[in-house]
Each structure stands twice: as structure tokens, then as C-alpha cells.
Amino acid sequence: MLNDTMLHLHARACQVVFEIITLMENGLADGAMARWRTLHEITVVATILAEHGEELAV
């Protein structure tokens, strides 16, 4: 379960990074910052899951 969750979070993070790059290339810094906050939240969740293991992922 933990591996599936981490894989899903990684895929979502990659998608958000692509959105950030697209927004920045088009001069939409405020939108990019909003997506950056989302990326940070995904990273925090992944870090907590990595530290606390399988029982938290369920």
C-alpha cells in the first residue's frame, strides 16, 4: 500500500511541476506560486509517509 501511495504522489508531483513550468513560461507567476504550494504539500505528505511507514498509508 505504501509503495502505491508513494507512486501516486510522485506522479502527481511530476504533473504539478509541469504545470509550474508552463505557468512560468507564460508569465503567470501568481499561478505558478499557487501550484508551488501544492507541490510543497505533496512533498510534506510523502515525507511523513516515508518516515512513519505502512500503517499511516492505509
N, C-alpha and C. Protein backbone atom coordinates (compact mmCIF):
# COMPACT_ATOMS: atom_id res chain seq x y z
N MET A 1 0.82 -1.20 0.00
CA MET A 1 0.00 0.00 0.00
C MET A 1 0.86 1.26 0.00
N LEU A 2 1.92 1.25 0.80
CA LEU A 2 2.78 2.43 0.89
C LEU A 2 3.43 2.74 -0.47
N ASN A 3 3.91 1.71 -1.15
CA ASN A 3 4.54 1.92 -2.46
C ASN A 3 3.55 2.51 -3.47
N ASP A 4 2.32 2.02 -3.45
CA ASP A 4 1.30 2.56 -4.35
C ASP A 4 1.01 4.03 -4.05
N THR A 5 0.94 4.34 -2.78
CA THR A 5 0.67 5.72 -2.37
C THR A 5 1.81 6.63 -2.78
N MET A 6 3.04 6.19 -2.54
CA MET A 6 4.20 7.00 -2.90
C MET A 6 4.29 7.18 -4.42
N LEU A 7 3.97 6.13 -5.17
CA LEU A 7 3.97 6.22 -6.63
C LEU A 7 2.94 7.24 -7.11
N HIS A 8 1.75 7.21 -6.50
CA HIS A 8 0.70 8.17 -6.86
C HIS A 8 1.15 9.60 -6.54
N LEU A 9 1.76 9.80 -5.38
CA LEU A 9 2.22 11.13 -5.00
C LEU A 9 3.33 11.61 -5.95
N HIS A 10 4.21 10.72 -6.35
CA HIS A 10 5.28 11.09 -7.27
C HIS A 10 4.70 11.52 -8.63
N ALA A 11 3.75 10.74 -9.12
CA ALA A 11 3.13 11.07 -10.41
C ALA A 11 2.42 12.42 -10.33
N ARG A 12 1.74 12.67 -9.23
CA ARG A 12 1.04 13.95 -9.05
C ARG A 12 2.05 15.09 -8.97
N ALA A 13 3.16 14.87 -8.28
CA ALA A 13 4.19 15.91 -8.17
C ALA A 13 4.77 16.23 -9.54
N CYS A 14 5.01 15.22 -10.35
CA CYS A 14 5.52 15.46 -11.71
C CYS A 14 4.55 16.30 -12.53
N GLN A 15 3.27 16.01 -12.41
CA GLN A 15 2.25 16.77 -13.12
C GLN A 15 2.25 18.23 -12.65
N VAL A 16 2.35 18.44 -11.36
CA VAL A 16 2.34 19.80 -10.81
C VAL A 16 3.58 20.57 -11.28
N VAL A 17 4.74 19.90 -11.32
CA VAL A 17 5.96 20.56 -11.80
C VAL A 17 5.78 21.02 -13.24
N PHE A 18 5.18 20.17 -14.08
CA PHE A 18 4.92 20.56 -15.46
C PHE A 18 4.01 21.79 -15.52
N GLU A 19 3.00 21.82 -14.66
CA GLU A 19 2.09 22.97 -14.62
C GLU A 19 2.84 24.24 -14.19
N ILE A 20 3.73 24.12 -13.21
CA ILE A 20 4.52 25.26 -12.74
C ILE A 20 5.38 25.81 -13.87
N ILE A 21 6.05 24.93 -14.58
CA ILE A 21 6.91 25.35 -15.68
C ILE A 21 6.08 26.06 -16.76
N THR A 22 4.94 25.49 -17.11
CA THR A 22 4.07 26.09 -18.12
C THR A 22 3.60 27.47 -17.70
N LEU A 23 3.20 27.60 -16.45
CA LEU A 23 2.74 28.90 -15.96
C LEU A 23 3.87 29.92 -15.97
N MET A 24 5.06 29.52 -15.55
CA MET A 24 6.19 30.45 -15.53
C MET A 24 6.58 30.88 -16.94
N GLU A 25 6.56 29.94 -17.88
CA GLU A 25 6.91 30.28 -19.26
C GLU A 25 5.93 31.28 -19.88
N ASN A 26 4.72 31.29 -19.36
CA ASN A 26 3.70 32.19 -19.88
C ASN A 26 3.50 33.43 -19.02
N GLY A 27 4.42 33.66 -18.11
CA GLY A 27 4.40 34.88 -17.31
C GLY A 27 3.34 34.92 -16.22
N LEU A 28 2.89 33.79 -15.79
CA LEU A 28 1.84 33.73 -14.77
C LEU A 28 2.43 33.30 -13.43
N ALA A 29 3.22 34.19 -12.85
CA ALA A 29 3.95 33.87 -11.63
C ALA A 29 3.02 33.58 -10.45
N ASP A 30 1.91 34.30 -10.33
CA ASP A 30 0.99 34.06 -9.20
C ASP A 30 0.40 32.65 -9.27
N GLY A 31 0.02 32.23 -10.46
CA GLY A 31 -0.50 30.87 -10.63
C GLY A 31 0.57 29.83 -10.34
N ALA A 32 1.80 30.12 -10.77
CA ALA A 32 2.91 29.20 -10.51
C ALA A 32 3.17 29.07 -9.01
N MET A 33 3.06 30.18 -8.28
CA MET A 33 3.26 30.13 -6.83
C MET A 33 2.17 29.30 -6.16
N ALA A 34 0.96 29.38 -6.64
CA ALA A 34 -0.13 28.58 -6.09
C ALA A 34 0.15 27.10 -6.31
N ARG A 35 0.62 26.75 -7.50
CA ARG A 35 0.96 25.35 -7.79
C ARG A 35 2.17 24.91 -6.97
N TRP A 36 3.10 25.84 -6.71
CA TRP A 36 4.29 25.53 -5.90
C TRP A 36 3.85 25.14 -4.48
N ARG A 37 2.87 25.83 -3.95
CA ARG A 37 2.36 25.48 -2.62
C ARG A 37 1.77 24.07 -2.64
N THR A 38 1.07 23.73 -3.71
CA THR A 38 0.54 22.37 -3.85
C THR A 38 1.67 21.35 -3.89
N LEU A 39 2.72 21.66 -4.63
CA LEU A 39 3.88 20.77 -4.70
C LEU A 39 4.49 20.59 -3.32
N HIS A 40 4.58 21.66 -2.56
CA HIS A 40 5.12 21.58 -1.20
C HIS A 40 4.26 20.67 -0.33
N GLU A 41 2.95 20.80 -0.44
CA GLU A 41 2.04 19.95 0.34
C GLU A 41 2.22 18.48 -0.02
N ILE A 42 2.36 18.18 -1.29
CA ILE A 42 2.59 16.80 -1.74
C ILE A 42 3.89 16.27 -1.14
N THR A 43 4.92 17.11 -1.15
CA THR A 43 6.22 16.71 -0.61
C THR A 43 6.14 16.44 0.89
N VAL A 44 5.42 17.28 1.61
CA VAL A 44 5.26 17.08 3.06
C VAL A 44 4.56 15.75 3.34
N VAL A 45 3.50 15.47 2.61
CA VAL A 45 2.77 14.21 2.80
C VAL A 45 3.69 13.02 2.51
N ALA A 46 4.43 13.09 1.42
CA ALA A 46 5.34 11.99 1.06
C ALA A 46 6.42 11.80 2.12
N THR A 47 6.93 12.89 2.67
CA THR A 47 7.97 12.80 3.70
C THR A 47 7.42 12.16 4.97
N ILE A 48 6.23 12.56 5.38
CA ILE A 48 5.63 11.97 6.58
C ILE A 48 5.37 10.49 6.37
N LEU A 49 4.87 10.12 5.19
CA LEU A 49 4.64 8.71 4.90
C LEU A 49 5.94 7.92 4.91
N ALA A 50 7.00 8.50 4.35
CA ALA A 50 8.29 7.81 4.32
C ALA A 50 8.83 7.60 5.74
N GLU A 51 8.59 8.55 6.62
CA GLU A 51 9.11 8.46 7.98
C GLU A 51 8.29 7.50 8.84
N HIS A 52 6.97 7.45 8.63
CA HIS A 52 6.10 6.70 9.55
C HIS A 52 5.57 5.39 8.99
N GLY A 53 5.83 5.13 7.74
CA GLY A 53 5.61 3.81 7.20
C GLY A 53 4.20 3.41 6.82
N GLU A 54 4.04 2.10 6.71
CA GLU A 54 2.87 1.48 6.13
C GLU A 54 1.58 1.78 6.88
N GLU A 55 1.59 1.77 8.20
CA GLU A 55 0.34 1.93 8.95
C GLU A 55 -0.29 3.31 8.71
N LEU A 56 0.50 4.29 8.40
CA LEU A 56 -0.02 5.62 8.12
C LEU A 56 -0.59 5.71 6.70
N ALA A 57 -0.10 4.90 5.81
CA ALA A 57 -0.52 4.95 4.41
C ALA A 57 -1.90 4.34 4.18
N VAL A 58 -2.37 3.57 5.10
CA VAL A 58 -3.65 2.86 4.93
C VAL A 58 -4.81 3.76 5.05
